[in-house]
C-alpha atoms as a PDB file:
ATOM      1  CA  MET A   1      80.941  -6.819-128.950  1.00  0.00           C
ATOM      2  CA  LYS A   2      80.528  -8.462-132.421  1.00  0.00           C
ATOM      3  CA  ALA A   3      77.651 -10.747-130.997  1.00  0.00           C
ATOM      4  CA  TRP A   4      75.991  -7.780-129.648  1.00  0.00           C
ATOM      5  CA  LEU A   5      76.355  -5.768-132.870  1.00  0.00           C
ATOM      6  CA  LEU A   6      74.960  -8.676-134.993  1.00  0.00           C
ATOM      7  CA  ALA A   7      72.018  -9.250-132.726  1.00  0.00           C
ATOM      8  CA  SER A   8      71.090  -5.492-132.775  1.00  0.00           C
ATOM      9  CA  LEU A   9      71.338  -5.558-136.434  1.00  0.00           C
ATOM     10  CA  LEU A  10      69.103  -8.671-136.707  1.00  0.00           C
ATOM     11  CA  VAL A  11      66.561  -7.068-134.477  1.00  0.00           C
ATOM     12  CA  SER A  12      66.535  -3.828-136.191  1.00  0.00           C
ATOM     13  CA  SER A  13      66.214  -5.270-139.608  1.00  0.00           C
ATOM     14  CA  VAL A  14      62.958  -7.310-138.712  1.00  0.00           C
ATOM     15  CA  ALA A  15      60.072  -5.572-140.649  1.00  0.00           C
ATOM     16  CA  LEU A  16      56.319  -5.922-140.234  1.00  0.00           C
ATOM     17  CA  ALA A  17      54.768  -7.798-143.037  1.00  0.00           C
ATOM     18  CA  ASP A  18      51.992  -6.705-145.392  1.00  0.00           C
ATOM     19  CA  VAL A  19      48.716  -8.215-146.627  1.00  0.00           C
ATOM     20  CA  ASP A  20      48.052  -8.006-150.358  1.00  0.00           C
ATOM     21  CA  GLU A  21      44.920  -9.330-151.775  1.00  0.00           C
ATOM     22  CA  VAL A  22      44.409  -9.387-155.548  1.00  0.00           C
ATOM     23  CA  ASP A  23      41.944 -12.187-155.707  1.00  0.00           C
ATOM     24  CA  ASN A  24      38.152 -11.883-155.284  1.00  0.00           C
ATOM     25  CA  ASN A  25      35.756 -13.331-152.566  1.00  0.00           C
ATOM     26  CA  LYS A  26      38.235 -13.839-149.797  1.00  0.00           C
ATOM     27  CA  THR A  27      37.840 -13.213-146.150  1.00  0.00           C
ATOM     28  CA  HIS A  28      40.886 -12.261-143.956  1.00  0.00           C
ATOM     29  CA  VAL A  29      41.393 -11.339-140.268  1.00  0.00           C
ATOM     30  CA  VAL A  30      44.671  -9.307-140.013  1.00  0.00           C
ATOM     31  CA  ASP A  31      46.674  -9.096-136.860  1.00  0.00           C
ATOM     32  CA  CYS A  32      48.002  -5.464-137.340  1.00  0.00           C
ATOM     33  CA  LYS A  33      50.802  -5.949-135.118  1.00  0.00           C
ATOM     34  CA  LYS A  34      52.099  -8.433-137.528  1.00  0.00           C
ATOM     35  CA  ASP A  35      50.836  -6.948-140.817  1.00  0.00           C
ATOM     36  CA  SER A  36      51.027  -3.247-140.702  1.00  0.00           C
ATOM     37  CA  THR A  37      49.772  -2.358-144.335  1.00  0.00           C
ATOM     38  CA  VAL A  38      46.683  -4.108-146.064  1.00  0.00           C
ATOM     39  CA  ARG A  39      46.364  -3.512-149.710  1.00  0.00           C
ATOM     40  CA  VAL A  40      43.157  -4.536-151.475  1.00  0.00           C
ATOM     41  CA  SER A  41      43.092  -4.641-155.275  1.00  0.00           C
ATOM     42  CA  GLY A  42      40.675  -7.522-155.554  1.00  0.00           C
ATOM     43  CA  ASN A  43      36.894  -7.412-155.291  1.00  0.00           C
ATOM     44  CA  SER A  44      34.250  -8.429-152.745  1.00  0.00           C
ATOM     45  CA  ASN A  45      36.705  -9.248-150.016  1.00  0.00           C
ATOM     46  CA  THR A  46      35.866  -8.910-146.415  1.00  0.00           C
ATOM     47  CA  PHE A  47      38.825  -7.824-144.036  1.00  0.00           C
ATOM     48  CA  THR A  48      38.656  -7.584-140.164  1.00  0.00           C
ATOM     49  CA  LEU A  49      41.380  -5.815-138.511  1.00  0.00           C
ATOM     50  CA  LYS A  50      42.656  -6.638-135.072  1.00  0.00           C
ATOM     51  CA  GLY A  51      44.510  -3.691-133.610  1.00  0.00           C
ATOM     52  CA  THR A  52      45.615  -0.673-135.498  1.00  0.00           C
ATOM     53  CA  CYS A  53      47.290  -1.019-138.863  1.00  0.00           C
ATOM     54  CA  ALA A  54      49.639   1.723-140.334  1.00  0.00           C
ATOM     55  CA  SER A  55      47.941   1.866-143.803  1.00  0.00           C
ATOM     56  CA  VAL A  56      44.933   0.279-145.553  1.00  0.00           C
ATOM     57  CA  GLN A  57      44.865   0.708-149.201  1.00  0.00           C
ATOM     58  CA  VAL A  58      41.728  -0.218-151.289  1.00  0.00           C
ATOM     59  CA  SER A  59      41.753   0.015-154.989  1.00  0.00           C
ATOM     60  CA  GLY A  60      39.377  -2.840-155.432  1.00  0.00           C
ATOM     61  CA  ASN A  61      35.620  -2.667-155.549  1.00  0.00           C
ATOM     62  CA  LYS A  62      32.776  -3.885-153.280  1.00  0.00           C
ATOM     63  CA  ASN A  63      35.350  -4.908-150.371  1.00  0.00           C
ATOM     64  CA  THR A  64      34.422  -4.472-146.765  1.00  0.00           C
ATOM     65  CA  VAL A  65      37.082  -3.407-144.176  1.00  0.00           C
ATOM     66  CA  LYS A  66      36.102  -3.340-140.467  1.00  0.00           C
ATOM     67  CA  GLY A  67      37.478  -3.843-137.003  1.00  0.00           C
ATOM     68  CA  ASP A  68      39.706  -1.668-134.816  1.00  0.00           C
ATOM     69  CA  GLY A  69      41.599   0.826-136.917  1.00  0.00           C
ATOM     70  CA  ALA A  70      44.016   2.264-139.258  1.00  0.00           C
ATOM     71  CA  LYS A  71      46.215   5.302-139.169  1.00  0.00           C
ATOM     72  CA  GLN A  72      45.720   5.842-142.801  1.00  0.00           C
ATOM     73  CA  VAL A  73      43.063   4.737-145.276  1.00  0.00           C
ATOM     74  CA  MET A  74      43.325   5.243-149.149  1.00  0.00           C
ATOM     75  CA  LEU A  75      40.253   4.465-151.211  1.00  0.00           C
ATOM     76  CA  SER A  76      40.650   4.605-154.863  1.00  0.00           C
ATOM     77  CA  GLY A  77      38.191   1.797-155.556  1.00  0.00           C
ATOM     78  CA  ASN A  78      34.243   2.028-155.787  1.00  0.00           C
ATOM     79  CA  ASP A  79      31.401   0.853-153.762  1.00  0.00           C
ATOM     80  CA  ASN A  80      33.585  -0.158-150.682  1.00  0.00           C
ATOM     81  CA  ALA A  81      32.342  -0.258-147.078  1.00  0.00           C
ATOM     82  CA  ILE A  82      35.016   0.808-144.319  1.00  0.00           C
ATOM     83  CA  ALA A  83      34.162   0.845-140.653  1.00  0.00           C
ATOM     84  CA  LEU A  84      37.122   1.649-138.354  1.00  0.00           C
ATOM     85  CA  THR A  85      38.935   4.223-136.416  1.00  0.00           C
ATOM     86  CA  ILE A  86      40.967   6.379-138.735  1.00  0.00           C
ATOM     87  CA  ASP A  87      43.265   9.122-138.372  1.00  0.00           C
ATOM     88  CA  LYS A  88      43.659  10.146-142.052  1.00  0.00           C
ATOM     89  CA  LEU A  89      41.405   9.382-144.731  1.00  0.00           C
ATOM     90  CA  MET A  90      41.975   9.929-148.631  1.00  0.00           C
ATOM     91  CA  VAL A  91      39.159   8.948-151.130  1.00  0.00           C
ATOM     92  CA  SER A  92      39.507   9.172-154.820  1.00  0.00           C
ATOM     93  CA  GLY A  93      36.974   6.493-155.827  1.00  0.00           C
ATOM     94  CA  ASP A  94      33.188   6.677-155.832  1.00  0.00           C
ATOM     95  CA  ARG A  95      30.169   5.543-153.875  1.00  0.00           C
ATOM     96  CA  ASN A  96      32.274   4.333-150.933  1.00  0.00           C
ATOM     97  CA  THR A  97      30.797   4.355-147.548  1.00  0.00           C
ATOM     98  CA  VAL A  98      33.093   5.057-144.452  1.00  0.00           C
ATOM     99  CA  GLY A  99      31.735   4.807-140.830  1.00  0.00           C
ATOM    100  CA  TYR A 100      34.424   6.173-138.670  1.00  0.00           C
ATOM    101  CA  LYS A 101      34.764   5.339-134.923  1.00  0.00           C
ATOM    102  CA  GLY A 102      35.771   7.849-132.559  1.00  0.00           C
ATOM    103  CA  LYS A 103      36.687  11.323-133.643  1.00  0.00           C
ATOM    104  CA  LYS A 104      36.310  12.421-137.271  1.00  0.00           C
ATOM    105  CA  PRO A 105      39.281  11.669-139.245  1.00  0.00           C
ATOM    106  CA  SER A 106      41.146  14.218-141.549  1.00  0.00           C
ATOM    107  CA  VAL A 107      39.521  13.749-144.789  1.00  0.00           C
ATOM    108  CA  SER A 108      40.310  14.381-148.468  1.00  0.00           C
ATOM    109  CA  ASP A 109      37.488  13.406-150.643  1.00  0.00           C
ATOM    110  CA  MET A 110      38.152  13.803-154.371  1.00  0.00           C
ATOM    111  CA  GLY A 111      35.651  11.171-155.489  1.00  0.00           C
ATOM    112  CA  ASN A 112      31.832  11.219-156.146  1.00  0.00           C
ATOM    113  CA  ASP A 113      29.016  10.192-153.866  1.00  0.00           C
ATOM    114  CA  ASN A 114      31.042   8.938-150.894  1.00  0.00           C
ATOM    115  CA  LYS A 115      29.494   8.925-147.388  1.00  0.00           C
ATOM    116  CA  ILE A 116      31.722   9.638-144.562  1.00  0.00           C
ATOM    117  CA  THR A 117      29.890   9.402-141.244  1.00  0.00           C
ATOM    118  CA  PRO A 118      30.215   8.344-137.645  1.00  0.00           C
ATOM    119  CA  ALA A 119      29.955   4.518-137.460  1.00  0.00           C
ATOM    120  CA  LYS A 120      26.709   3.219-135.896  1.00  0.00           C
END
């Protein structure tokens, strides 16, 4: 009984990791099964998502995020380019370009000059 309890506690305490990029001009391939949250506060980075991440948060500028998808994308930076399947999109930055795959996400756009269109 004690061994089972210990094993179940260990399994339930395993958390998915996150990817945080505060540097500039880096390239990442993210496995969303391992890294469920991507945070980008650096500039001019490129991220390719494999699978669907829980959350992508971009507060940096001139970043590119492409690949499969994210349940939630939050853009507070400027001049970023996003091309993903997205469930929920929140934008407060300016001049971002979002190309969504599949159905149109739920969108809250409080920024200026953002383009949110189907991906080509």
